[in-house]
Amino acid sequence: MDRCTADAVAYVTGVKLGRRSLKFMDHGIMAATFLNLETGSSYRILSTEESRELSDIYAPEVSGKGERQISLYRAWGFMHGLS
């Protein structure tokens, strides 16, 4: 996860590297794993080019490509208790 992705994850979820609630591990792939410590459930998210195209389908009412992607990420996080 590069710096931009870490910032995006921190913004969407509220976790931060400085608070030790976000851990950076370089395994050469763009992915994030979210773990709910209370329930033990987890989600793994991979970033693909397809996700950019899907934001156009699932959030067409939002203007601007970046804003569409953020809107979609927030909605997903909210639906899964990550925000």
N, C-alpha and C. Protein backbone atom coordinates (compact mmCIF):
# COMPACT_ATOMS: atom_id res chain seq x y z
N MET A 1 0.86 -1.16 0.00
CA MET A 1 0.00 0.00 0.00
C MET A 1 0.91 1.23 0.00
N ASP A 2 0.76 2.06 -0.99
CA ASP A 2 1.60 3.25 -1.00
C ASP A 2 0.95 4.35 -0.16
N ARG A 3 1.61 5.46 -0.05
CA ARG A 3 1.16 6.56 0.81
C ARG A 3 -0.25 7.03 0.47
N CYS A 4 -0.58 7.16 -0.80
CA CYS A 4 -1.91 7.63 -1.19
C CYS A 4 -3.00 6.67 -0.73
N THR A 5 -2.76 5.39 -0.86
CA THR A 5 -3.75 4.41 -0.43
C THR A 5 -3.90 4.42 1.08
N ALA A 6 -2.80 4.53 1.79
CA ALA A 6 -2.88 4.59 3.25
C ALA A 6 -3.69 5.81 3.69
N ASP A 7 -3.51 6.92 3.02
CA ASP A 7 -4.30 8.12 3.32
C ASP A 7 -5.78 7.88 3.04
N ALA A 8 -6.08 7.22 1.92
CA ALA A 8 -7.48 6.95 1.57
C ALA A 8 -8.13 6.03 2.59
N VAL A 9 -7.43 4.97 2.99
CA VAL A 9 -7.97 4.04 3.99
C VAL A 9 -8.19 4.78 5.31
N ALA A 10 -7.25 5.61 5.71
CA ALA A 10 -7.39 6.37 6.96
C ALA A 10 -8.59 7.31 6.88
N TYR A 11 -8.77 7.95 5.75
CA TYR A 11 -9.87 8.90 5.58
C TYR A 11 -11.23 8.19 5.64
N VAL A 12 -11.34 7.09 4.94
CA VAL A 12 -12.62 6.38 4.84
C VAL A 12 -12.97 5.65 6.14
N THR A 13 -11.99 5.06 6.81
CA THR A 13 -12.27 4.23 7.98
C THR A 13 -12.02 4.91 9.32
N GLY A 14 -11.19 5.94 9.33
CA GLY A 14 -10.85 6.60 10.59
C GLY A 14 -9.65 6.00 11.30
N VAL A 15 -9.04 4.95 10.74
CA VAL A 15 -7.84 4.37 11.34
C VAL A 15 -6.62 5.15 10.89
N LYS A 16 -5.53 5.06 11.65
CA LYS A 16 -4.32 5.81 11.31
C LYS A 16 -3.07 5.00 11.64
N LEU A 17 -2.04 5.20 10.82
CA LEU A 17 -0.76 4.57 11.08
C LEU A 17 -0.20 4.99 12.43
N GLY A 18 -0.34 6.25 12.78
CA GLY A 18 0.21 6.79 14.02
C GLY A 18 -0.46 6.25 15.27
N ARG A 19 -1.69 5.78 15.16
CA ARG A 19 -2.40 5.23 16.31
C ARG A 19 -2.30 3.72 16.38
N ARG A 20 -1.52 3.15 15.47
CA ARG A 20 -1.30 1.71 15.41
C ARG A 20 -2.58 0.93 15.12
N SER A 21 -3.59 1.59 14.55
CA SER A 21 -4.79 0.88 14.14
C SER A 21 -4.74 0.56 12.65
N LEU A 22 -3.69 1.05 11.99
CA LEU A 22 -3.43 0.74 10.58
C LEU A 22 -1.99 0.29 10.47
N LYS A 23 -1.77 -0.86 9.89
CA LYS A 23 -0.40 -1.40 9.75
C LYS A 23 -0.04 -1.48 8.28
N PHE A 24 1.15 -1.04 7.95
CA PHE A 24 1.67 -1.08 6.59
C PHE A 24 2.55 -2.31 6.42
N MET A 25 2.25 -3.12 5.41
CA MET A 25 3.06 -4.31 5.10
C MET A 25 3.23 -4.35 3.59
N ASP A 26 4.45 -4.34 3.12
CA ASP A 26 4.71 -4.34 1.68
C ASP A 26 4.91 -5.76 1.18
N HIS A 27 3.87 -6.28 0.51
CA HIS A 27 3.95 -7.62 -0.08
C HIS A 27 3.89 -7.54 -1.60
N GLY A 28 4.01 -6.32 -2.15
CA GLY A 28 4.04 -6.14 -3.59
C GLY A 28 2.70 -6.20 -4.27
N ILE A 29 1.60 -6.12 -3.52
CA ILE A 29 0.26 -6.13 -4.11
C ILE A 29 -0.57 -5.03 -3.45
N MET A 30 -1.43 -4.41 -4.23
CA MET A 30 -2.29 -3.36 -3.70
C MET A 30 -3.53 -4.01 -3.10
N ALA A 31 -3.54 -4.14 -1.77
CA ALA A 31 -4.66 -4.78 -1.08
C ALA A 31 -4.74 -4.26 0.35
N ALA A 32 -5.89 -4.43 0.94
CA ALA A 32 -6.08 -4.05 2.34
C ALA A 32 -6.96 -5.11 2.99
N THR A 33 -6.61 -5.48 4.21
CA THR A 33 -7.41 -6.42 4.99
C THR A 33 -7.93 -5.69 6.21
N PHE A 34 -9.22 -5.76 6.43
CA PHE A 34 -9.85 -5.10 7.57
C PHE A 34 -10.33 -6.16 8.53
N LEU A 35 -10.00 -6.02 9.80
CA LEU A 35 -10.35 -7.00 10.83
C LEU A 35 -11.14 -6.30 11.92
N ASN A 36 -12.29 -6.85 12.23
CA ASN A 36 -13.08 -6.38 13.36
C ASN A 36 -12.66 -7.19 14.57
N LEU A 37 -11.96 -6.57 15.50
CA LEU A 37 -11.41 -7.29 16.65
C LEU A 37 -12.49 -7.81 17.59
N GLU A 38 -13.65 -7.16 17.59
CA GLU A 38 -14.73 -7.60 18.47
C GLU A 38 -15.41 -8.87 17.96
N THR A 39 -15.62 -8.95 16.64
CA THR A 39 -16.35 -10.09 16.08
C THR A 39 -15.44 -11.14 15.44
N GLY A 40 -14.21 -10.73 15.11
CA GLY A 40 -13.29 -11.63 14.44
C GLY A 40 -13.52 -11.72 12.94
N SER A 41 -14.51 -10.98 12.43
CA SER A 41 -14.75 -11.03 10.98
C SER A 41 -13.73 -10.14 10.27
N SER A 42 -13.45 -10.50 9.01
CA SER A 42 -12.47 -9.74 8.25
C SER A 42 -12.89 -9.62 6.80
N TYR A 43 -12.36 -8.60 6.14
CA TYR A 43 -12.60 -8.35 4.72
C TYR A 43 -11.26 -8.04 4.08
N ARG A 44 -11.04 -8.57 2.90
CA ARG A 44 -9.84 -8.26 2.12
C ARG A 44 -10.28 -7.60 0.84
N ILE A 45 -9.69 -6.47 0.54
CA ILE A 45 -10.04 -5.70 -0.64
C ILE A 45 -8.81 -5.56 -1.52
N LEU A 46 -8.97 -5.91 -2.78
CA LEU A 46 -7.91 -5.76 -3.77
C LEU A 46 -8.27 -4.62 -4.70
N SER A 47 -7.31 -3.83 -5.05
CA SER A 47 -7.53 -2.74 -5.99
C SER A 47 -7.25 -3.24 -7.40
N THR A 48 -8.22 -3.09 -8.26
CA THR A 48 -8.06 -3.49 -9.65
C THR A 48 -8.53 -2.36 -10.56
N GLU A 49 -8.16 -2.42 -11.80
CA GLU A 49 -8.62 -1.43 -12.76
C GLU A 49 -10.14 -1.50 -12.91
N GLU A 50 -10.70 -2.68 -12.73
CA GLU A 50 -12.15 -2.85 -12.85
C GLU A 50 -12.91 -2.01 -11.84
N SER A 51 -12.34 -1.80 -10.66
CA SER A 51 -13.03 -1.01 -9.63
C SER A 51 -13.27 0.42 -10.10
N ARG A 52 -12.36 0.96 -10.86
CA ARG A 52 -12.57 2.31 -11.39
C ARG A 52 -13.75 2.35 -12.36
N GLU A 53 -13.86 1.33 -13.18
CA GLU A 53 -14.97 1.26 -14.13
C GLU A 53 -16.29 1.03 -13.40
N LEU A 54 -16.29 0.23 -12.34
CA LEU A 54 -17.51 -0.06 -11.60
C LEU A 54 -18.06 1.17 -10.89
N SER A 55 -17.20 2.10 -10.51
CA SER A 55 -17.70 3.31 -9.86
C SER A 55 -18.60 4.11 -10.80
N ASP A 56 -18.33 4.04 -12.09
CA ASP A 56 -19.18 4.72 -13.07
C ASP A 56 -20.57 4.07 -13.12
N ILE A 57 -20.63 2.77 -12.90
CA ILE A 57 -21.90 2.05 -12.94
C ILE A 57 -22.70 2.25 -11.65
N TYR A 58 -22.03 2.15 -10.50
CA TYR A 58 -22.72 2.18 -9.22
C TYR A 58 -22.95 3.57 -8.63
N ALA A 59 -22.26 4.57 -9.13
CA ALA A 59 -22.45 5.93 -8.60
C ALA A 59 -22.47 6.95 -9.75
N PRO A 60 -23.33 6.75 -10.76
CA PRO A 60 -23.34 7.65 -11.91
C PRO A 60 -23.82 9.06 -11.57
N GLU A 61 -24.55 9.20 -10.47
CA GLU A 61 -25.08 10.51 -10.09
C GLU A 61 -24.01 11.44 -9.51
N VAL A 62 -22.86 10.90 -9.14
CA VAL A 62 -21.78 11.70 -8.56
C VAL A 62 -20.89 12.21 -9.68
N SER A 63 -20.68 13.53 -9.71
CA SER A 63 -19.85 14.10 -10.78
C SER A 63 -18.38 14.00 -10.41
N GLY A 64 -17.56 13.74 -11.38
CA GLY A 64 -16.12 13.63 -11.16
C GLY A 64 -15.71 12.20 -10.84
N LYS A 65 -14.72 11.72 -11.56
CA LYS A 65 -14.27 10.33 -11.40
C LYS A 65 -13.78 10.03 -9.98
N GLY A 66 -12.94 10.89 -9.43
CA GLY A 66 -12.42 10.67 -8.08
C GLY A 66 -13.51 10.71 -7.03
N GLU A 67 -14.44 11.64 -7.18
CA GLU A 67 -15.54 11.74 -6.23
C GLU A 67 -16.44 10.51 -6.28
N ARG A 68 -16.64 9.96 -7.49
CA ARG A 68 -17.43 8.73 -7.63
C ARG A 68 -16.78 7.58 -6.89
N GLN A 69 -15.47 7.45 -7.05
CA GLN A 69 -14.76 6.36 -6.38
C GLN A 69 -14.84 6.50 -4.87
N ILE A 70 -14.62 7.70 -4.36
CA ILE A 70 -14.70 7.93 -2.91
C ILE A 70 -16.10 7.65 -2.40
N SER A 71 -17.12 8.10 -3.14
CA SER A 71 -18.50 7.86 -2.75
C SER A 71 -18.79 6.37 -2.65
N LEU A 72 -18.30 5.61 -3.61
CA LEU A 72 -18.51 4.17 -3.61
C LEU A 72 -17.78 3.50 -2.45
N TYR A 73 -16.53 3.92 -2.18
CA TYR A 73 -15.77 3.34 -1.07
C TYR A 73 -16.44 3.64 0.27
N ARG A 74 -16.94 4.87 0.43
CA ARG A 74 -17.63 5.22 1.67
C ARG A 74 -18.89 4.40 1.85
N ALA A 75 -19.67 4.26 0.78
CA ALA A 75 -20.92 3.49 0.87
C ALA A 75 -20.61 2.05 1.23
N TRP A 76 -19.59 1.48 0.62
CA TRP A 76 -19.21 0.09 0.93
C TRP A 76 -18.79 -0.03 2.40
N GLY A 77 -17.97 0.91 2.86
CA GLY A 77 -17.51 0.87 4.24
C GLY A 77 -18.65 1.00 5.23
N PHE A 78 -19.58 1.90 4.93
CA PHE A 78 -20.74 2.09 5.80
C PHE A 78 -21.60 0.84 5.86
N MET A 79 -21.82 0.20 4.70
CA MET A 79 -22.64 -1.01 4.65
C MET A 79 -22.00 -2.15 5.44
N HIS A 80 -20.69 -2.14 5.56
CA HIS A 80 -19.99 -3.24 6.23
C HIS A 80 -19.44 -2.83 7.60
N GLY A 81 -19.95 -1.73 8.15
CA GLY A 81 -19.58 -1.33 9.50
C GLY A 81 -18.14 -0.86 9.65
N LEU A 82 -17.54 -0.33 8.57
CA LEU A 82 -16.15 0.11 8.63
C LEU A 82 -16.01 1.61 8.77
N SER A 83 -17.09 2.35 8.78
CA SER A 83 -16.94 3.81 8.89
C SER A 83 -17.44 4.32 10.20
